[in-house]
Every structure is written in structure tokens, then in C-alpha cells.
Amino acid sequence: MQAAEAAARAAESAPRASDIESAERRVSEAHATLEKMRRDFENEREHHASTERDLRAKLASETERHEALKEEKATLQKRVDVLRTQNAALLDAYATAKRWSAEFARGARELADTLEQPVLDDAVRAQQQQQQPPVPEQSPPAPPPVSEGPRFSRDDDDDSPSSPPWLS
């Protein structure tokens, strides 16, 4: 009987053994899947860590570059401000030079007019003398009128220099 009971238990335990083997196989597959997932997770974590390091390095580099560009911009802005100031000064100097040039031209015309008038007067007198009938030799020639004063002389009889009218 014992043999029969043992055989019956063996028959009963065979499907259980098969279930246990099946369960062990599933546990082994689950362990393999879990290990594969762990490796994949570790690889992905390492990849993310590497990407993070690269991005942090790039961020640091770009931050450094940004600061350098800000400094360069500030330097260039200062240079632009200096150039604008110089440009304004040059425009003022140009306007002043233009005004002085106009005053100089006006003064030169006035000076030329004052210098040309005695020469023109002399030329008119010479022409008038040529057109007048000859005076008999008995009377001496009349001296030129002295009302205007000698040519190129100063009317103010002052020895102190005066500034030209375009400088006043």
C-alpha cells in the first residue's frame, strides 16, 4: 500500500512539480528581464549623465562667451559715445570754419574794393587827362587833388594795429 500511496502522491506531485518547474522558469525569465531592464536603465542613466555634463559644459562656455560679448558691447558703446562726441565737435568746428570762411571772403572783398578804388580813380584821371586838350606850355601842370590822401595810407593816423572787420 505504501507503494500505491507513494505512486498516488507521485502522480499528484507530478503536475505540481511541472507547475513548480514552470514557475521556476518564469521566475528565471523574470530575473533575466529584470537584469536586462537594470542594464538598460543603467545605460540610459549613464547616457543622461553624459548629456547633462555636456550641456553643463556648453552652458558654462556660452555663459562665459555671453559675458565676454557683454564686455565687448560695453567697450564698443563707449567707443561709439566717444566717436559721437568727436563727430559733434567736428561738426561744430566745420560750422565755425564755414562761418569764418564766409567772413574772410567778405573781408577780402571789402579789402579788394578799398584797394581797387584808388587804382580805378587813378586810371579814370589818367584817361580824363588824355582826353583834355593839351594845356599851353606856359602854365605849369596842375598838381593832383590831395583831398583823398595818399594811396594805401591809413585814415585813422593811429599806429596801433586793428583787427580786420571779419574778426570782430
C-alpha atoms as a PDB file:
ATOM      1  CA  MET A   1       0.000   0.000   0.000  1.00  0.00           C
ATOM      2  CA  GLN A   2       2.682   2.255   0.662  1.00  0.00           C
ATOM      3  CA  ALA A   3       3.838   1.805  -2.782  1.00  0.00           C
ATOM      4  CA  ALA A   4       0.428   2.657  -4.075  1.00  0.00           C
ATOM      5  CA  GLU A   5       0.232   5.701  -1.864  1.00  0.00           C
ATOM      6  CA  ALA A   6       3.657   6.741  -2.942  1.00  0.00           C
ATOM      7  CA  ALA A   7       2.652   6.253  -6.549  1.00  0.00           C
ATOM      8  CA  ALA A   8      -0.560   8.249  -5.963  1.00  0.00           C
ATOM      9  CA  ARG A   9       1.402  11.006  -4.287  1.00  0.00           C
ATOM     10  CA  ALA A  10       3.901  10.880  -7.057  1.00  0.00           C
ATOM     11  CA  ALA A  11       1.092  11.187  -9.561  1.00  0.00           C
ATOM     12  CA  GLU A  12      -0.349  14.082  -7.600  1.00  0.00           C
ATOM     13  CA  SER A  13       3.017  15.755  -7.228  1.00  0.00           C
ATOM     14  CA  ALA A  14       3.931  15.396 -10.915  1.00  0.00           C
ATOM     15  CA  PRO A  15       1.593  18.203 -12.034  1.00  0.00           C
ATOM     16  CA  ARG A  16       2.781  20.248  -9.080  1.00  0.00           C
ATOM     17  CA  ALA A  17       6.375  19.589  -9.992  1.00  0.00           C
ATOM     18  CA  SER A  18       5.535  20.643 -13.503  1.00  0.00           C
ATOM     19  CA  ASP A  19       3.876  23.779 -12.068  1.00  0.00           C
ATOM     20  CA  ILE A  20       6.928  24.410  -9.883  1.00  0.00           C
ATOM     21  CA  GLU A  21       9.266  23.941 -12.840  1.00  0.00           C
ATOM     22  CA  SER A  22       7.084  26.288 -14.870  1.00  0.00           C
ATOM     23  CA  ALA A  23       7.094  28.799 -12.007  1.00  0.00           C
ATOM     24  CA  GLU A  24      10.875  28.474 -11.660  1.00  0.00           C
ATOM     25  CA  ARG A  25      11.236  29.046 -15.397  1.00  0.00           C
ATOM     26  CA  ARG A  26       9.028  32.166 -15.190  1.00  0.00           C
ATOM     27  CA  VAL A  27      10.980  33.407 -12.161  1.00  0.00           C
ATOM     28  CA  SER A  28      14.216  32.831 -14.088  1.00  0.00           C
ATOM     29  CA  GLU A  29      12.797  34.699 -17.113  1.00  0.00           C
ATOM     30  CA  ALA A  30      11.602  37.500 -14.815  1.00  0.00           C
ATOM     31  CA  HIS A  31      15.104  37.678 -13.286  1.00  0.00           C
ATOM     32  CA  ALA A  32      16.621  37.822 -16.789  1.00  0.00           C
ATOM     33  CA  THR A  33      14.124  40.529 -17.847  1.00  0.00           C
ATOM     34  CA  LEU A  34      14.785  42.427 -14.634  1.00  0.00           C
ATOM     35  CA  GLU A  35      18.544  42.194 -15.186  1.00  0.00           C
ATOM     36  CA  LYS A  36      18.125  43.380 -18.803  1.00  0.00           C
ATOM     37  CA  MET A  37      15.951  46.284 -17.571  1.00  0.00           C
ATOM     38  CA  ARG A  38      18.601  47.132 -14.950  1.00  0.00           C
ATOM     39  CA  ARG A  39      21.330  47.169 -17.617  1.00  0.00           C
ATOM     40  CA  ASP A  40      19.145  49.294 -19.940  1.00  0.00           C
ATOM     41  CA  PHE A  41      18.309  51.657 -17.065  1.00  0.00           C
ATOM     42  CA  GLU A  42      21.993  51.925 -16.115  1.00  0.00           C
ATOM     43  CA  ASN A  43      22.968  52.606 -19.757  1.00  0.00           C
ATOM     44  CA  GLU A  44      20.249  55.227 -20.055  1.00  0.00           C
ATOM     45  CA  ARG A  45      21.296  56.814 -16.739  1.00  0.00           C
ATOM     46  CA  GLU A  46      24.926  56.961 -17.912  1.00  0.00           C
ATOM     47  CA  HIS A  47      23.793  58.463 -21.228  1.00  0.00           C
ATOM     48  CA  HIS A  48      21.715  61.117 -19.402  1.00  0.00           C
ATOM     49  CA  ALA A  49      24.608  61.862 -17.037  1.00  0.00           C
ATOM     50  CA  SER A  50      26.947  62.274 -20.020  1.00  0.00           C
ATOM     51  CA  THR A  51      24.416  64.517 -21.787  1.00  0.00           C
ATOM     52  CA  GLU A  52      23.988  66.562 -18.607  1.00  0.00           C
ATOM     53  CA  ARG A  53      27.778  67.011 -18.285  1.00  0.00           C
ATOM     54  CA  ASP A  54      27.987  68.075 -21.929  1.00  0.00           C
ATOM     55  CA  LEU A  55      25.110  70.514 -21.529  1.00  0.00           C
ATOM     56  CA  ARG A  56      26.579  71.965 -18.327  1.00  0.00           C
ATOM     57  CA  ALA A  57      29.940  72.433 -20.046  1.00  0.00           C
ATOM     58  CA  LYS A  58      28.215  74.060 -23.015  1.00  0.00           C
ATOM     59  CA  LEU A  59      26.189  76.284 -20.683  1.00  0.00           C
ATOM     60  CA  ALA A  60      29.361  77.361 -18.866  1.00  0.00           C
ATOM     61  CA  SER A  61      31.074  78.061 -22.187  1.00  0.00           C
ATOM     62  CA  GLU A  62      28.112  80.028 -23.521  1.00  0.00           C
ATOM     63  CA  THR A  63      27.810  81.950 -20.248  1.00  0.00           C
ATOM     64  CA  GLU A  64      31.486  82.858 -20.499  1.00  0.00           C
ATOM     65  CA  ARG A  65      31.018  83.870 -24.144  1.00  0.00           C
ATOM     66  CA  HIS A  66      27.951  85.914 -23.212  1.00  0.00           C
ATOM     67  CA  GLU A  67      29.899  87.787 -20.526  1.00  0.00           C
ATOM     68  CA  ALA A  68      32.752  88.445 -22.964  1.00  0.00           C
ATOM     69  CA  LEU A  69      30.275  89.750 -25.539  1.00  0.00           C
ATOM     70  CA  LYS A  70      28.643  91.996 -22.924  1.00  0.00           C
ATOM     71  CA  GLU A  71      32.059  93.437 -22.068  1.00  0.00           C
ATOM     72  CA  GLU A  72      32.861  93.900 -25.748  1.00  0.00           C
ATOM     73  CA  LYS A  73      29.492  95.576 -26.291  1.00  0.00           C
ATOM     74  CA  ALA A  74      30.150  97.945 -23.390  1.00  0.00           C
ATOM     75  CA  THR A  75      33.592  98.758 -24.827  1.00  0.00           C
ATOM     76  CA  LEU A  76      32.123  99.357 -28.270  1.00  0.00           C
ATOM     77  CA  GLN A  77      29.345 101.503 -26.799  1.00  0.00           C
ATOM     78  CA  LYS A  78      31.960 103.647 -25.054  1.00  0.00           C
ATOM     79  CA  ARG A  79      33.836 103.951 -28.364  1.00  0.00           C
ATOM     80  CA  VAL A  80      30.611 104.933 -30.143  1.00  0.00           C
ATOM     81  CA  ASP A  81      29.957 107.564 -27.473  1.00  0.00           C
ATOM     82  CA  VAL A  82      33.493 108.947 -27.907  1.00  0.00           C
ATOM     83  CA  LEU A  83      33.065 108.980 -31.693  1.00  0.00           C
ATOM     84  CA  ARG A  84      29.708 110.736 -31.380  1.00  0.00           C
ATOM     85  CA  THR A  85      31.307 113.362 -29.154  1.00  0.00           C
ATOM     86  CA  GLN A  86      34.167 113.778 -31.628  1.00  0.00           C
ATOM     87  CA  ASN A  87      31.677 113.982 -34.502  1.00  0.00           C
ATOM     88  CA  ALA A  88      29.728 116.715 -32.703  1.00  0.00           C
ATOM     89  CA  ALA A  89      32.968 118.613 -32.069  1.00  0.00           C
ATOM     90  CA  LEU A  90      33.962 118.221 -35.724  1.00  0.00           C
ATOM     91  CA  LEU A  91      30.546 119.431 -36.871  1.00  0.00           C
ATOM     92  CA  ASP A  92      30.899 122.471 -34.606  1.00  0.00           C
ATOM     93  CA  ALA A  93      34.416 123.110 -35.925  1.00  0.00           C
ATOM     94  CA  TYR A  94      33.155 122.736 -39.502  1.00  0.00           C
ATOM     95  CA  ALA A  95      30.328 125.215 -38.883  1.00  0.00           C
ATOM     96  CA  THR A  96      32.784 127.642 -37.293  1.00  0.00           C
ATOM     97  CA  ALA A  97      35.250 127.234 -40.176  1.00  0.00           C
ATOM     98  CA  LYS A  98      32.444 127.747 -42.672  1.00  0.00           C
ATOM     99  CA  ARG A  99      31.343 130.916 -40.863  1.00  0.00           C
ATOM    100  CA  TRP A 100      34.936 132.201 -40.677  1.00  0.00           C
ATOM    101  CA  SER A 101      35.440 131.403 -44.348  1.00  0.00           C
ATOM    102  CA  ALA A 102      32.373 133.454 -45.264  1.00  0.00           C
ATOM    103  CA  GLU A 103      33.599 136.307 -43.043  1.00  0.00           C
ATOM    104  CA  PHE A 104      37.062 136.067 -44.566  1.00  0.00           C
ATOM    105  CA  ALA A 105      35.629 136.163 -48.091  1.00  0.00           C
ATOM    106  CA  ARG A 106      33.502 139.197 -47.194  1.00  0.00           C
ATOM    107  CA  GLY A 107      36.528 140.901 -45.624  1.00  0.00           C
ATOM    108  CA  ALA A 108      38.674 140.056 -48.655  1.00  0.00           C
ATOM    109  CA  ARG A 109      36.034 141.588 -50.958  1.00  0.00           C
ATOM    110  CA  GLU A 110      35.897 144.706 -48.818  1.00  0.00           C
ATOM    111  CA  LEU A 111      39.682 144.924 -48.805  1.00  0.00           C
ATOM    112  CA  ALA A 112      39.846 144.401 -52.561  1.00  0.00           C
ATOM    113  CA  ASP A 113      37.196 147.069 -53.046  1.00  0.00           C
ATOM    114  CA  THR A 114      39.147 149.556 -50.922  1.00  0.00           C
ATOM    115  CA  LEU A 115      42.405 148.761 -52.717  1.00  0.00           C
ATOM    116  CA  GLU A 116      40.868 148.814 -56.210  1.00  0.00           C
ATOM    117  CA  GLN A 117      39.107 152.168 -55.802  1.00  0.00           C
ATOM    118  CA  PRO A 118      42.302 154.334 -55.721  1.00  0.00           C
ATOM    119  CA  VAL A 119      43.681 152.388 -58.698  1.00  0.00           C
ATOM    120  CA  LEU A 120      40.432 152.907 -60.581  1.00  0.00           C
ATOM    121  CA  ASP A 121      40.426 156.573 -59.620  1.00  0.00           C
ATOM    122  CA  ASP A 122      43.995 156.962 -60.965  1.00  0.00           C
ATOM    123  CA  ALA A 123      43.002 155.219 -64.193  1.00  0.00           C
ATOM    124  CA  VAL A 124      39.973 157.491 -64.627  1.00  0.00           C
ATOM    125  CA  ARG A 125      42.130 160.591 -64.003  1.00  0.00           C
ATOM    126  CA  ALA A 126      44.723 159.415 -66.498  1.00  0.00           C
ATOM    127  CA  GLN A 127      42.053 158.801 -69.091  1.00  0.00           C
ATOM    128  CA  GLN A 128      40.487 162.193 -68.429  1.00  0.00           C
ATOM    129  CA  GLN A 129      43.857 163.916 -68.792  1.00  0.00           C
ATOM    130  CA  GLN A 130      44.408 162.216 -72.112  1.00  0.00           C
ATOM    131  CA  GLN A 131      41.022 163.375 -73.348  1.00  0.00           C
ATOM    132  CA  GLN A 132      41.505 167.036 -72.268  1.00  0.00           C
ATOM    133  CA  PRO A 133      43.055 169.402 -74.800  1.00  0.00           C
ATOM    134  CA  PRO A 134      46.738 169.985 -74.245  1.00  0.00           C
ATOM    135  CA  VAL A 135      47.494 172.834 -71.912  1.00  0.00           C
ATOM    136  CA  PRO A 136      49.800 175.533 -73.286  1.00  0.00           C
ATOM    137  CA  GLU A 137      53.355 175.196 -72.169  1.00  0.00           C
ATOM    138  CA  GLN A 138      53.319 178.461 -70.360  1.00  0.00           C
ATOM    139  CA  SER A 139      51.438 177.264 -67.337  1.00  0.00           C
ATOM    140  CA  PRO A 140      52.806 174.502 -65.178  1.00  0.00           C
ATOM    141  CA  PRO A 141      50.698 171.351 -64.842  1.00  0.00           C
ATOM    142  CA  ALA A 142      48.246 171.391 -62.012  1.00  0.00           C
ATOM    143  CA  PRO A 143      49.067 169.073 -59.106  1.00  0.00           C
ATOM    144  CA  PRO A 144      46.618 166.250 -58.486  1.00  0.00           C
ATOM    145  CA  PRO A 145      43.954 166.941 -55.877  1.00  0.00           C
ATOM    146  CA  VAL A 146      45.017 165.929 -52.399  1.00  0.00           C
ATOM    147  CA  SER A 147      41.574 165.563 -50.951  1.00  0.00           C
ATOM    148  CA  GLU A 148      41.712 161.753 -50.835  1.00  0.00           C
ATOM    149  CA  GLY A 149      45.108 161.448 -49.265  1.00  0.00           C
ATOM    150  CA  PRO A 150      47.924 159.247 -50.484  1.00  0.00           C
ATOM    151  CA  ARG A 151      47.106 155.776 -51.687  1.00  0.00           C
ATOM    152  CA  PHE A 152      47.497 152.892 -49.227  1.00  0.00           C
ATOM    153  CA  SER A 153      47.617 155.178 -46.206  1.00  0.00           C
ATOM    154  CA  ARG A 154      45.582 154.782 -43.066  1.00  0.00           C
ATOM    155  CA  ASP A 155      42.829 157.240 -42.430  1.00  0.00           C
ATOM    156  CA  ASP A 156      42.892 156.886 -38.648  1.00  0.00           C
ATOM    157  CA  ASP A 157      46.514 158.089 -38.202  1.00  0.00           C
ATOM    158  CA  ASP A 158      46.793 155.611 -35.368  1.00  0.00           C
ATOM    159  CA  ASP A 159      49.851 153.373 -35.060  1.00  0.00           C
ATOM    160  CA  SER A 160      48.083 150.652 -33.078  1.00  0.00           C
ATOM    161  CA  PRO A 161      47.084 147.621 -35.131  1.00  0.00           C
ATOM    162  CA  SER A 162      43.394 146.977 -35.512  1.00  0.00           C
ATOM    163  CA  SER A 163      41.745 143.697 -36.221  1.00  0.00           C
ATOM    164  CA  PRO A 164      40.123 143.167 -39.618  1.00  0.00           C
ATOM    165  CA  PRO A 165      36.350 143.573 -39.682  1.00  0.00           C
ATOM    166  CA  TRP A 166      35.702 139.870 -40.197  1.00  0.00           C
ATOM    167  CA  LEU A 167      37.282 139.041 -36.844  1.00  0.00           C
ATOM    168  CA  SER A 168      35.140 141.393 -34.798  1.00  0.00           C
END
